[in-house]
Every structure is written in structure tokens, then in C-alpha cells.
Amino acid sequence: MTCLSYTLRPAAARAAAARCGRTLARVPEQEPPELIDRARQRRLYYERQREYREHPERSRLTQRAVVRIVDNFLKEARTGEFTFRSDEHAPLGTGAAPSPLQYFVAAVGF
């Protein structure tokens, strides 16, 4: 049986652990402060939805990136106003920057 759970709520974390037959060593008893203003996000979502219904041409979004090879597996990408590098670990690269897989894993959290 696979048990995966991600939550910031202590009660939910304890319940998920119990379902998997586990206990959590350290879970704070106090609920953390709200990090996301859900009411604001909901309002913005419905505003954008209404705008896209009225102006469908605004709903298209295209993201582009320009990637150049710096050296072997070290690459530099530019997307919008941001520039970042990626490299593979030895023996393929030098480990001078996060690998593409590390960026991907981090993106899942975003």
C-alpha cells in the first residue's frame, strides 16, 4: 500500500498517518497561519473567467524560452525577464547549476 500525503494542517497530517498505520513524531499542535488568501484567489479566478468569456482572445497565453549551450551540458535559458542555468552532475556535467530534473521537481511544488 502506498501512502502519500502533503498537508500543513496538523490534524490532517495525524489522520493521514493513522490511515497508513503510522504515527508522526513531531506535528505542531497549533494550526499554522493561513499562507494563501483563498477569498482573494477565488475572486481573481472568477474575474479572470468573466474577462475571458467576454474577450476570448485574451485567454491565449504563449510562453517562450531561448536556451543556449554554454559548455557541454551547462545551458542558460531566458524566459521573459528571467535568466537561469541548468547543468548535469558529473560525469556528464560539472554540477555548476541545478539539473533539469531538479527544476522539474521544484516546479511541482510551485
PDB file of N, CA and C in Angstrom:
ATOM      1  N   MET A   1       0.837  -1.176   0.000  1.00  0.00           N
ATOM      2  CA  MET A   1       0.000   0.000   0.000  1.00  0.00           C
ATOM      3  C   MET A   1       0.884   1.242   0.000  1.00  0.00           C
ATOM      4  N   THR A   2       0.583   2.193  -0.854  1.00  0.00           N
ATOM      5  CA  THR A   2       1.339   3.432  -0.928  1.00  0.00           C
ATOM      6  C   THR A   2       0.566   4.519  -0.210  1.00  0.00           C
ATOM      7  N   CYS A   3       1.247   5.239   0.667  1.00  0.00           N
ATOM      8  CA  CYS A   3       0.620   6.334   1.388  1.00  0.00           C
ATOM      9  C   CYS A   3       1.390   7.604   1.127  1.00  0.00           C
ATOM     10  N   LEU A   4       0.760   8.523   0.432  1.00  0.00           N
ATOM     11  CA  LEU A   4       1.355   9.825   0.186  1.00  0.00           C
ATOM     12  C   LEU A   4       0.401  10.873   0.707  1.00  0.00           C
ATOM     13  N   SER A   5       0.941  11.838   1.410  1.00  0.00           N
ATOM     14  CA  SER A   5       0.095  12.902   1.924  1.00  0.00           C
ATOM     15  C   SER A   5       0.924  14.154   2.093  1.00  0.00           C
ATOM     16  N   TYR A   6       0.350  15.279   1.721  1.00  0.00           N
ATOM     17  CA  TYR A   6       1.009  16.558   1.921  1.00  0.00           C
ATOM     18  C   TYR A   6      -0.027  17.514   2.477  1.00  0.00           C
ATOM     19  N   THR A   7       0.224  18.022   3.658  1.00  0.00           N
ATOM     20  CA  THR A   7      -0.687  18.977   4.268  1.00  0.00           C
ATOM     21  C   THR A   7       0.047  19.806   5.289  1.00  0.00           C
ATOM     22  N   LEU A   8      -0.408  21.009   5.489  1.00  0.00           N
ATOM     23  CA  LEU A   8       0.158  21.873   6.518  1.00  0.00           C
ATOM     24  C   LEU A   8      -0.691  21.853   7.783  1.00  0.00           C
ATOM     25  N   ARG A   9      -1.778  21.140   7.758  1.00  0.00           N
ATOM     26  CA  ARG A   9      -2.682  21.102   8.904  1.00  0.00           C
ATOM     27  C   ARG A   9      -2.349  19.918   9.802  1.00  0.00           C
ATOM     28  N   PRO A  10      -2.043  20.191  11.074  1.00  0.00           N
ATOM     29  CA  PRO A  10      -1.648  19.122  11.992  1.00  0.00           C
ATOM     30  C   PRO A  10      -2.673  17.995  12.104  1.00  0.00           C
ATOM     31  N   ALA A  11      -3.947  18.340  12.244  1.00  0.00           N
ATOM     32  CA  ALA A  11      -4.970  17.309  12.408  1.00  0.00           C
ATOM     33  C   ALA A  11      -5.033  16.427  11.162  1.00  0.00           C
ATOM     34  N   ALA A  12      -4.944  17.012   9.998  1.00  0.00           N
ATOM     35  CA  ALA A  12      -4.981  16.244   8.755  1.00  0.00           C
ATOM     36  C   ALA A  12      -3.733  15.374   8.623  1.00  0.00           C
ATOM     37  N   ALA A  13      -2.589  15.879   9.053  1.00  0.00           N
ATOM     38  CA  ALA A  13      -1.349  15.095   8.990  1.00  0.00           C
ATOM     39  C   ALA A  13      -1.435  13.875   9.900  1.00  0.00           C
ATOM     40  N   ARG A  14      -1.967  14.061  11.107  1.00  0.00           N
ATOM     41  CA  ARG A  14      -2.108  12.927  12.029  1.00  0.00           C
ATOM     42  C   ARG A  14      -3.098  11.897  11.479  1.00  0.00           C
ATOM     43  N   ALA A  15      -4.192  12.368  10.888  1.00  0.00           N
ATOM     44  CA  ALA A  15      -5.198  11.456  10.336  1.00  0.00           C
ATOM     45  C   ALA A  15      -4.620  10.666   9.165  1.00  0.00           C
ATOM     46  N   ALA A  16      -3.856  11.328   8.298  1.00  0.00           N
ATOM     47  CA  ALA A  16      -3.243  10.645   7.158  1.00  0.00           C
ATOM     48  C   ALA A  16      -2.248   9.598   7.635  1.00  0.00           C
ATOM     49  N   ALA A  17      -1.483   9.931   8.645  1.00  0.00           N
ATOM     50  CA  ALA A  17      -0.505   8.972   9.189  1.00  0.00           C
ATOM     51  C   ALA A  17      -1.229   7.771   9.792  1.00  0.00           C
ATOM     52  N   ALA A  18      -2.326   8.022  10.484  1.00  0.00           N
ATOM     53  CA  ALA A  18      -3.085   6.931  11.106  1.00  0.00           C
ATOM     54  C   ALA A  18      -3.651   5.991  10.050  1.00  0.00           C
ATOM     55  N   ARG A  19      -4.128   6.533   8.927  1.00  0.00           N
ATOM     56  CA  ARG A  19      -4.655   5.700   7.846  1.00  0.00           C
ATOM     57  C   ARG A  19      -3.585   4.775   7.289  1.00  0.00           C
ATOM     58  N   CYS A  20      -2.346   5.190   7.357  1.00  0.00           N
ATOM     59  CA  CYS A  20      -1.233   4.386   6.850  1.00  0.00           C
ATOM     60  C   CYS A  20      -0.629   3.516   7.933  1.00  0.00           C
ATOM     61  N   GLY A  21      -1.198   3.549   9.120  1.00  0.00           N
ATOM     62  CA  GLY A  21      -0.672   2.759  10.220  1.00  0.00           C
ATOM     63  C   GLY A  21       0.606   3.323  10.794  1.00  0.00           C
ATOM     64  N   ARG A  22       0.775   4.628  10.704  1.00  0.00           N
ATOM     65  CA  ARG A  22       1.983   5.284  11.201  1.00  0.00           C
ATOM     66  C   ARG A  22       1.610   6.354  12.202  1.00  0.00           C
ATOM     67  N   THR A  23       2.573   6.788  12.951  1.00  0.00           N
ATOM     68  CA  THR A  23       2.393   7.945  13.828  1.00  0.00           C
ATOM     69  C   THR A  23       3.450   8.969  13.460  1.00  0.00           C
ATOM     70  N   LEU A  24       3.157  10.203  13.707  1.00  0.00           N
ATOM     71  CA  LEU A  24       4.100  11.277  13.414  1.00  0.00           C
ATOM     72  C   LEU A  24       4.793  11.699  14.693  1.00  0.00           C
ATOM     73  N   ALA A  25       6.096  11.760  14.648  1.00  0.00           N
ATOM     74  CA  ALA A  25       6.869  12.101  15.842  1.00  0.00           C
ATOM     75  C   ALA A  25       6.642  13.543  16.264  1.00  0.00           C
ATOM     76  N   ARG A  26       6.720  14.459  15.319  1.00  0.00           N
ATOM     77  CA  ARG A  26       6.569  15.865  15.673  1.00  0.00           C
ATOM     78  C   ARG A  26       5.604  16.566  14.729  1.00  0.00           C
ATOM     79  N   VAL A  27       4.436  16.820  15.208  1.00  0.00           N
ATOM     80  CA  VAL A  27       3.458  17.613  14.472  1.00  0.00           C
ATOM     81  C   VAL A  27       3.013  18.703  15.421  1.00  0.00           C
ATOM     82  N   PRO A  28       3.150  19.957  15.023  1.00  0.00           N
ATOM     83  CA  PRO A  28       2.756  21.033  15.931  1.00  0.00           C
ATOM     84  C   PRO A  28       1.273  20.942  16.274  1.00  0.00           C
ATOM     85  N   GLU A  29       0.953  21.232  17.508  1.00  0.00           N
ATOM     86  CA  GLU A  29      -0.448  21.199  17.950  1.00  0.00           C
ATOM     87  C   GLU A  29      -1.220  22.407  17.443  1.00  0.00           C
ATOM     88  N   GLN A  30      -0.513  23.460  17.148  1.00  0.00           N
ATOM     89  CA  GLN A  30      -1.136  24.708  16.745  1.00  0.00           C
ATOM     90  C   GLN A  30      -1.263  24.766  15.224  1.00  0.00           C
ATOM     91  N   GLU A  31      -2.400  25.221  14.733  1.00  0.00           N
ATOM     92  CA  GLU A  31      -2.597  25.374  13.302  1.00  0.00           C
ATOM     93  C   GLU A  31      -1.699  26.508  12.799  1.00  0.00           C
ATOM     94  N   PRO A  32      -1.051  26.331  11.644  1.00  0.00           N
ATOM     95  CA  PRO A  32      -0.213  27.397  11.096  1.00  0.00           C
ATOM     96  C   PRO A  32      -1.082  28.536  10.565  1.00  0.00           C
ATOM     97  N   PRO A  33      -0.503  29.715  10.420  1.00  0.00           N
ATOM     98  CA  PRO A  33      -1.283  30.823   9.862  1.00  0.00           C
ATOM     99  C   PRO A  33      -1.612  30.532   8.387  1.00  0.00           C
ATOM    100  N   GLU A  34      -2.697  31.086   7.911  1.00  0.00           N
ATOM    101  CA  GLU A  34      -3.073  30.905   6.512  1.00  0.00           C
ATOM    102  C   GLU A  34      -2.040  31.586   5.628  1.00  0.00           C
ATOM    103  N   LEU A  35      -1.488  30.861   4.692  1.00  0.00           N
ATOM    104  CA  LEU A  35      -0.473  31.397   3.801  1.00  0.00           C
ATOM    105  C   LEU A  35      -1.060  31.874   2.483  1.00  0.00           C
ATOM    106  N   ILE A  36      -2.262  31.418   2.169  1.00  0.00           N
ATOM    107  CA  ILE A  36      -2.915  31.778   0.912  1.00  0.00           C
ATOM    108  C   ILE A  36      -4.247  32.438   1.233  1.00  0.00           C
ATOM    109  N   ASP A  37      -4.466  33.597   0.663  1.00  0.00           N
ATOM    110  CA  ASP A  37      -5.732  34.305   0.831  1.00  0.00           C
ATOM    111  C   ASP A  37      -6.726  33.690  -0.155  1.00  0.00           C
ATOM    112  N   ARG A  38      -7.440  32.664   0.304  1.00  0.00           N
ATOM    113  CA  ARG A  38      -8.331  31.913  -0.587  1.00  0.00           C
ATOM    114  C   ARG A  38      -9.471  32.758  -1.143  1.00  0.00           C
ATOM    115  N   ALA A  39     -10.008  33.663  -0.354  1.00  0.00           N
ATOM    116  CA  ALA A  39     -11.100  34.514  -0.830  1.00  0.00           C
ATOM    117  C   ALA A  39     -10.608  35.397  -1.979  1.00  0.00           C
ATOM    118  N   ARG A  40      -9.421  35.942  -1.835  1.00  0.00           N
ATOM    119  CA  ARG A  40      -8.848  36.783  -2.891  1.00  0.00           C
ATOM    120  C   ARG A  40      -8.594  35.958  -4.146  1.00  0.00           C
ATOM    121  N   GLN A  41      -8.008  34.770  -3.991  1.00  0.00           N
ATOM    122  CA  GLN A  41      -7.728  33.912  -5.139  1.00  0.00           C
ATOM    123  C   GLN A  41      -9.007  33.523  -5.868  1.00  0.00           C
ATOM    124  N   ARG A  42     -10.042  33.213  -5.105  1.00  0.00           N
ATOM    125  CA  ARG A  42     -11.336  32.844  -5.702  1.00  0.00           C
ATOM    126  C   ARG A  42     -11.905  34.032  -6.477  1.00  0.00           C
ATOM    127  N   ARG A  43     -11.852  35.237  -5.890  1.00  0.00           N
ATOM    128  CA  ARG A  43     -12.366  36.436  -6.548  1.00  0.00           C
ATOM    129  C   ARG A  43     -11.609  36.698  -7.854  1.00  0.00           C
ATOM    130  N   LEU A  44     -10.271  36.618  -7.805  1.00  0.00           N
ATOM    131  CA  LEU A  44      -9.470  36.842  -9.012  1.00  0.00           C
ATOM    132  C   LEU A  44      -9.752  35.794 -10.080  1.00  0.00           C
ATOM    133  N   TYR A  45      -9.961  34.553  -9.649  1.00  0.00           N
ATOM    134  CA  TYR A  45     -10.267  33.481 -10.594  1.00  0.00           C
ATOM    135  C   TYR A  45     -11.561  33.787 -11.350  1.00  0.00           C
ATOM    136  N   TYR A  46     -12.613  34.155 -10.624  1.00  0.00           N
ATOM    137  CA  TYR A  46     -13.897  34.427 -11.274  1.00  0.00           C
ATOM    138  C   TYR A  46     -13.845  35.702 -12.117  1.00  0.00           C
ATOM    139  N   GLU A  47     -13.057  36.688 -11.698  1.00  0.00           N
ATOM    140  CA  GLU A  47     -12.895  37.893 -12.521  1.00  0.00           C
ATOM    141  C   GLU A  47     -12.223  37.550 -13.847  1.00  0.00           C
ATOM    142  N   ARG A  48     -11.164  36.746 -13.768  1.00  0.00           N
ATOM    143  CA  ARG A  48     -10.453  36.357 -14.985  1.00  0.00           C
ATOM    144  C   ARG A  48     -11.336  35.489 -15.872  1.00  0.00           C
ATOM    145  N   GLN A  49     -12.099  34.596 -15.275  1.00  0.00           N
ATOM    146  CA  GLN A  49     -13.012  33.744 -16.039  1.00  0.00           C
ATOM    147  C   GLN A  49     -14.030  34.602 -16.796  1.00  0.00           C
ATOM    148  N   ARG A  50     -14.575  35.607 -16.111  1.00  0.00           N
ATOM    149  CA  ARG A  50     -15.544  36.508 -16.744  1.00  0.00           C
ATOM    150  C   ARG A  50     -14.878  37.299 -17.882  1.00  0.00           C
ATOM    151  N   GLU A  51     -13.651  37.782 -17.644  1.00  0.00           N
ATOM    152  CA  GLU A  51     -12.933  38.533 -18.666  1.00  0.00           C
ATOM    153  C   GLU A  51     -12.685  37.663 -19.906  1.00  0.00           C
ATOM    154  N   TYR A  52     -12.308  36.413 -19.720  1.00  0.00           N
ATOM    155  CA  TYR A  52     -12.030  35.525 -20.842  1.00  0.00           C
ATOM    156  C   TYR A  52     -13.290  35.179 -21.621  1.00  0.00           C
ATOM    157  N   ARG A  53     -14.430  35.112 -20.939  1.00  0.00           N
ATOM    158  CA  ARG A  53     -15.683  34.868 -21.660  1.00  0.00           C
ATOM    159  C   ARG A  53     -16.026  36.062 -22.549  1.00  0.00           C
ATOM    160  N   GLU A  54     -15.784  37.276 -22.017  1.00  0.00           N
ATOM    161  CA  GLU A  54     -16.096  38.490 -22.766  1.00  0.00           C
ATOM    162  C   GLU A  54     -15.080  38.764 -23.867  1.00  0.00           C
ATOM    163  N   HIS A  55     -13.828  38.380 -23.652  1.00  0.00           N
ATOM    164  CA  HIS A  55     -12.734  38.621 -24.606  1.00  0.00           C
ATOM    165  C   HIS A  55     -11.911  37.339 -24.773  1.00  0.00           C
ATOM    166  N   PRO A  56     -12.404  36.367 -25.540  1.00  0.00           N
ATOM    167  CA  PRO A  56     -11.711  35.077 -25.672  1.00  0.00           C
ATOM    168  C   PRO A  56     -10.273  35.203 -26.164  1.00  0.00           C
ATOM    169  N   GLU A  57      -9.980  36.225 -26.963  1.00  0.00           N
ATOM    170  CA  GLU A  57      -8.625  36.381 -27.492  1.00  0.00           C
ATOM    171  C   GLU A  57      -7.594  36.632 -26.377  1.00  0.00           C
ATOM    172  N   ARG A  58      -8.031  37.115 -25.244  1.00  0.00           N
ATOM    173  CA  ARG A  58      -7.122  37.362 -24.117  1.00  0.00           C
ATOM    174  C   ARG A  58      -6.768  36.087 -23.346  1.00  0.00           C
ATOM    175  N   SER A  59      -7.492  35.013 -23.636  1.00  0.00           N
ATOM    176  CA  SER A  59      -7.272  33.783 -22.872  1.00  0.00           C
ATOM    177  C   SER A  59      -6.081  32.980 -23.374  1.00  0.00           C
ATOM    178  N   ARG A  60      -5.565  33.325 -24.534  1.00  0.00           N
ATOM    179  CA  ARG A  60      -4.403  32.604 -25.062  1.00  0.00           C
ATOM    180  C   ARG A  60      -3.130  33.120 -24.418  1.00  0.00           C
ATOM    181  N   LEU A  61      -2.329  32.194 -23.964  1.00  0.00           N
ATOM    182  CA  LEU A  61      -1.069  32.548 -23.323  1.00  0.00           C
ATOM    183  C   LEU A  61       0.031  31.709 -23.945  1.00  0.00           C
ATOM    184  N   THR A  62       1.055  32.358 -24.421  1.00  0.00           N
ATOM    185  CA  THR A  62       2.179  31.641 -25.012  1.00  0.00           C
ATOM    186  C   THR A  62       3.428  31.960 -24.209  1.00  0.00           C
ATOM    187  N   GLN A  63       4.113  30.931 -23.764  1.00  0.00           N
ATOM    188  CA  GLN A  63       5.380  31.087 -23.054  1.00  0.00           C
ATOM    189  C   GLN A  63       6.492  30.627 -23.970  1.00  0.00           C
ATOM    190  N   ARG A  64       7.551  31.412 -24.030  1.00  0.00           N
ATOM    191  CA  ARG A  64       8.686  31.048 -24.859  1.00  0.00           C
ATOM    192  C   ARG A  64       9.950  31.104 -24.021  1.00  0.00           C
ATOM    193  N   ALA A  65      10.908  30.294 -24.408  1.00  0.00           N
ATOM    194  CA  ALA A  65      12.218  30.312 -23.766  1.00  0.00           C
ATOM    195  C   ALA A  65      13.284  30.220 -24.850  1.00  0.00           C
ATOM    196  N   VAL A  66      14.364  30.931 -24.631  1.00  0.00           N
ATOM    197  CA  VAL A  66      15.528  30.838 -25.511  1.00  0.00           C
ATOM    198  C   VAL A  66      16.604  30.152 -24.689  1.00  0.00           C
ATOM    199  N   VAL A  67      17.107  29.030 -25.199  1.00  0.00           N
ATOM    200  CA  VAL A  67      18.110  28.251 -24.473  1.00  0.00           C
ATOM    201  C   VAL A  67      19.382  28.202 -25.304  1.00  0.00           C
ATOM    202  N   ARG A  68      20.506  28.453 -24.653  1.00  0.00           N
ATOM    203  CA  ARG A  68      21.788  28.362 -25.359  1.00  0.00           C
ATOM    204  C   ARG A  68      22.721  27.443 -24.588  1.00  0.00           C
ATOM    205  N   ILE A  69      23.544  26.730 -25.315  1.00  0.00           N
ATOM    206  CA  ILE A  69      24.533  25.848 -24.694  1.00  0.00           C
ATOM    207  C   ILE A  69      25.740  26.701 -24.315  1.00  0.00           C
ATOM    208  N   VAL A  70      26.102  26.667 -23.038  1.00  0.00           N
ATOM    209  CA  VAL A  70      27.258  27.404 -22.558  1.00  0.00           C
ATOM    210  C   VAL A  70      28.499  26.520 -22.696  1.00  0.00           C
ATOM    211  N   ASP A  71      28.395  25.271 -22.206  1.00  0.00           N
ATOM    212  CA  ASP A  71      29.516  24.341 -22.272  1.00  0.00           C
ATOM    213  C   ASP A  71      28.999  22.943 -21.956  1.00  0.00           C
ATOM    214  N   ASN A  72      29.201  22.007 -22.858  1.00  0.00           N
ATOM    215  CA  ASN A  72      28.740  20.632 -22.686  1.00  0.00           C
ATOM    216  C   ASN A  72      27.281  20.586 -22.245  1.00  0.00           C
ATOM    217  N   PHE A  73      27.006  20.190 -20.989  1.00  0.00           N
ATOM    218  CA  PHE A  73      25.623  20.086 -20.517  1.00  0.00           C
ATOM    219  C   PHE A  73      25.161  21.336 -19.775  1.00  0.00           C
ATOM    220  N   LEU A  74      26.021  22.321 -19.620  1.00  0.00           N
ATOM    221  CA  LEU A  74      25.640  23.580 -18.979  1.00  0.00           C
ATOM    222  C   LEU A  74      24.886  24.431 -19.991  1.00  0.00           C
ATOM    223  N   LYS A  75      23.650  24.760 -19.653  1.00  0.00           N
ATOM    224  CA  LYS A  75      22.811  25.554 -20.556  1.00  0.00           C
ATOM    225  C   LYS A  75      22.276  26.769 -19.813  1.00  0.00           C
ATOM    226  N   GLU A  76      21.970  27.792 -20.565  1.00  0.00           N
ATOM    227  CA  GLU A  76      21.387  29.003 -19.999  1.00  0.00           C
ATOM    228  C   GLU A  76      20.065  29.263 -20.711  1.00  0.00           C
ATOM    229  N   ALA A  77      19.024  29.485 -19.937  1.00  0.00           N
ATOM    230  CA  ALA A  77      17.697  29.722 -20.510  1.00  0.00           C
ATOM    231  C   ALA A  77      17.230  31.122 -20.140  1.00  0.00           C
ATOM    232  N   ARG A  78      16.562  31.742 -21.089  1.00  0.00           N
ATOM    233  CA  ARG A  78      15.953  33.048 -20.835  1.00  0.00           C
ATOM    234  C   ARG A  78      14.487  32.941 -21.194  1.00  0.00           C
ATOM    235  N   THR A  79      13.652  33.279 -20.246  1.00  0.00           N
ATOM    236  CA  THR A  79      12.209  33.282 -20.469  1.00  0.00           C
ATOM    237  C   THR A  79      11.652  34.536 -19.814  1.00  0.00           C
ATOM    238  N   GLY A  80      11.012  35.359 -20.621  1.00  0.00           N
ATOM    239  CA  GLY A  80      10.545  36.646 -20.097  1.00  0.00           C
ATOM    240  C   GLY A  80      11.744  37.452 -19.625  1.00  0.00           C
ATOM    241  N   GLU A  81      11.663  37.981 -18.432  1.00  0.00           N
ATOM    242  CA  GLU A  81      12.758  38.788 -17.883  1.00  0.00           C
ATOM    243  C   GLU A  81      13.723  37.963 -17.034  1.00  0.00           C
ATOM    244  N   PHE A  82      13.531  36.660 -16.983  1.00  0.00           N
ATOM    245  CA  PHE A  82      14.340  35.801 -16.120  1.00  0.00           C
ATOM    246  C   PHE A  82      15.347  34.989 -16.922  1.00  0.00           C
ATOM    247  N   THR A  83      16.533  34.830 -16.343  1.00  0.00           N
ATOM    248  CA  THR A  83      17.585  34.011 -16.922  1.00  0.00           C
ATOM    249  C   THR A  83      18.066  33.042 -15.859  1.00  0.00           C
ATOM    250  N   PHE A  84      18.207  31.769 -16.218  1.00  0.00           N
ATOM    251  CA  PHE A  84      18.712  30.785 -15.269  1.00  0.00           C
ATOM    252  C   PHE A  84      19.502  29.722 -16.010  1.00  0.00           C
ATOM    253  N   ARG A  85      20.321  29.015 -15.253  1.00  0.00           N
ATOM    254  CA  ARG A  85      21.193  27.991 -15.821  1.00  0.00           C
ATOM    255  C   ARG A  85      20.800  26.609 -15.321  1.00  0.00           C
ATOM    256  N   SER A  86      21.186  25.606 -16.100  1.00  0.00           N
ATOM    257  CA  SER A  86      20.955  24.222 -15.732  1.00  0.00           C
ATOM    258  C   SER A  86      22.168  23.409 -16.171  1.00  0.00           C
ATOM    259  N   ASP A  87      22.543  22.434 -15.368  1.00  0.00           N
ATOM    260  CA  ASP A  87      23.692  21.595 -15.673  1.00  0.00           C
ATOM    261  C   ASP A  87      23.440  20.197 -15.125  1.00  0.00           C
ATOM    262  N   GLU A  88      24.075  19.227 -15.696  1.00  0.00           N
ATOM    263  CA  GLU A  88      24.014  17.862 -15.172  1.00  0.00           C
ATOM    264  C   GLU A  88      25.157  17.662 -14.196  1.00  0.00           C
ATOM    265  N   HIS A  89      24.995  16.701 -13.327  1.00  0.00           N
ATOM    266  CA  HIS A  89      26.058  16.369 -12.381  1.00  0.00           C
ATOM    267  C   HIS A  89      27.102  15.500 -13.073  1.00  0.00           C
ATOM    268  N   ALA A  90      28.281  15.416 -12.486  1.00  0.00           N
ATOM    269  CA  ALA A  90      29.361  14.586 -13.034  1.00  0.00           C
ATOM    270  C   ALA A  90      28.874  13.145 -13.150  1.00  0.00           C
ATOM    271  N   PRO A  91      29.267  12.434 -14.118  1.00  0.00           N
ATOM    272  CA  PRO A  91      30.334  12.690 -15.070  1.00  0.00           C
ATOM    273  C   PRO A  91      29.876  13.435 -16.329  1.00  0.00           C
ATOM    274  N   LEU A  92      28.575  13.643 -16.521  1.00  0.00           N
ATOM    275  CA  LEU A  92      28.113  14.331 -17.732  1.00  0.00           C
ATOM    276  C   LEU A  92      28.436  15.818 -17.710  1.00  0.00           C
ATOM    277  N   GLY A  93      28.081  16.468 -16.616  1.00  0.00           N
ATOM    278  CA  GLY A  93      28.315  17.900 -16.496  1.00  0.00           C
ATOM    279  C   GLY A  93      29.230  18.191 -15.332  1.00  0.00           C
ATOM    280  N   THR A  94      29.169  19.435 -14.871  1.00  0.00           N
ATOM    281  CA  THR A  94      30.035  19.842 -13.757  1.00  0.00           C
ATOM    282  C   THR A  94      29.254  20.112 -12.481  1.00  0.00           C
ATOM    283  N   GLY A  95      27.940  20.093 -12.563  1.00  0.00           N
ATOM    284  CA  GLY A  95      27.133  20.390 -11.382  1.00  0.00           C
ATOM    285  C   GLY A  95      27.159  21.857 -11.014  1.00  0.00           C
ATOM    286  N   ALA A  96      27.421  22.725 -11.993  1.00  0.00           N
ATOM    287  CA  ALA A  96      27.516  24.166 -11.745  1.00  0.00           C
ATOM    288  C   ALA A  96      26.156  24.817 -11.503  1.00  0.00           C
ATOM    289  N   ALA A  97      25.086  24.099 -11.787  1.00  0.00           N
ATOM    290  CA  ALA A  97      23.728  24.632 -11.614  1.00  0.00           C
ATOM    291  C   ALA A  97      22.800  23.441 -11.376  1.00  0.00           C
ATOM    292  N   PRO A  98      21.569  23.699 -10.938  1.00  0.00           N
ATOM    293  CA  PRO A  98      20.621  22.589 -10.757  1.00  0.00           C
ATOM    294  C   PRO A  98      20.395  21.851 -12.083  1.00  0.00           C
ATOM    295  N   SER A  99      20.128  20.566 -11.981  1.00  0.00           N
ATOM    296  CA  SER A  99      19.846  19.781 -13.186  1.00  0.00           C
ATOM    297  C   SER A  99      18.423  20.062 -13.658  1.00  0.00           C
ATOM    298  N   PRO A 100      18.103  19.737 -14.909  1.00  0.00           N
ATOM    299  CA  PRO A 100      16.732  19.923 -15.384  1.00  0.00           C
ATOM    300  C   PRO A 100      15.717  19.183 -14.507  1.00  0.00           C
ATOM    301  N   LEU A 101      16.079  17.991 -14.035  1.00  0.00           N
ATOM    302  CA  LEU A 101      15.170  17.236 -13.174  1.00  0.00           C
ATOM    303  C   LEU A 101      14.928  17.967 -11.852  1.00  0.00           C
ATOM    304  N   GLN A 102      15.944  18.608 -11.307  1.00  0.00           N
ATOM    305  CA  GLN A 102      15.760  19.361 -10.065  1.00  0.00           C
ATOM    306  C   GLN A 102      14.810  20.541 -10.282  1.00  0.00           C
ATOM    307  N   TYR A 103      14.922  21.214 -11.422  1.00  0.00           N
ATOM    308  CA  TYR A 103      13.978  22.288 -11.729  1.00  0.00           C
ATOM    309  C   TYR A 103      12.560  21.727 -11.850  1.00  0.00           C
ATOM    310  N   PHE A 104      12.435  20.580 -12.504  1.00  0.00           N
ATOM    311  CA  PHE A 104      11.123  19.956 -12.677  1.00  0.00           C
ATOM    312  C   PHE A 104      10.498  19.612 -11.326  1.00  0.00           C
ATOM    313  N   VAL A 105      11.287  18.990 -10.445  1.00  0.00           N
ATOM    314  CA  VAL A 105      10.778  18.611  -9.130  1.00  0.00           C
ATOM    315  C   VAL A 105      10.342  19.852  -8.360  1.00  0.00           C
ATOM    316  N   ALA A 106      11.124  20.916  -8.421  1.00  0.00           N
ATOM    317  CA  ALA A 106      10.754  22.160  -7.744  1.00  0.00           C
ATOM    318  C   ALA A 106       9.476  22.749  -8.357  1.00  0.00           C
ATOM    319  N   ALA A 107       9.325  22.625  -9.669  1.00  0.00           N
ATOM    320  CA  ALA A 107       8.141  23.174 -10.339  1.00  0.00           C
ATOM    321  C   ALA A 107       6.862  22.519  -9.870  1.00  0.00           C
ATOM    322  N   VAL A 108       6.929  21.253  -9.494  1.00  0.00           N
ATOM    323  CA  VAL A 108       5.751  20.564  -8.979  1.00  0.00           C
ATOM    324  C   VAL A 108       5.239  21.268  -7.719  1.00  0.00           C
ATOM    325  N   GLY A 109       6.151  21.783  -6.919  1.00  0.00           N
ATOM    326  CA  GLY A 109       5.752  22.489  -5.703  1.00  0.00           C
ATOM    327  C   GLY A 109       5.190  23.880  -5.953  1.00  0.00           C
ATOM    328  N   PHE A 110       5.515  24.446  -7.106  1.00  0.00           N
ATOM    329  CA  PHE A 110       5.014  25.784  -7.400  1.00  0.00           C
ATOM    330  C   PHE A 110       3.585  25.706  -7.858  1.00  0.00           C
TER     331      PHE A 110
END
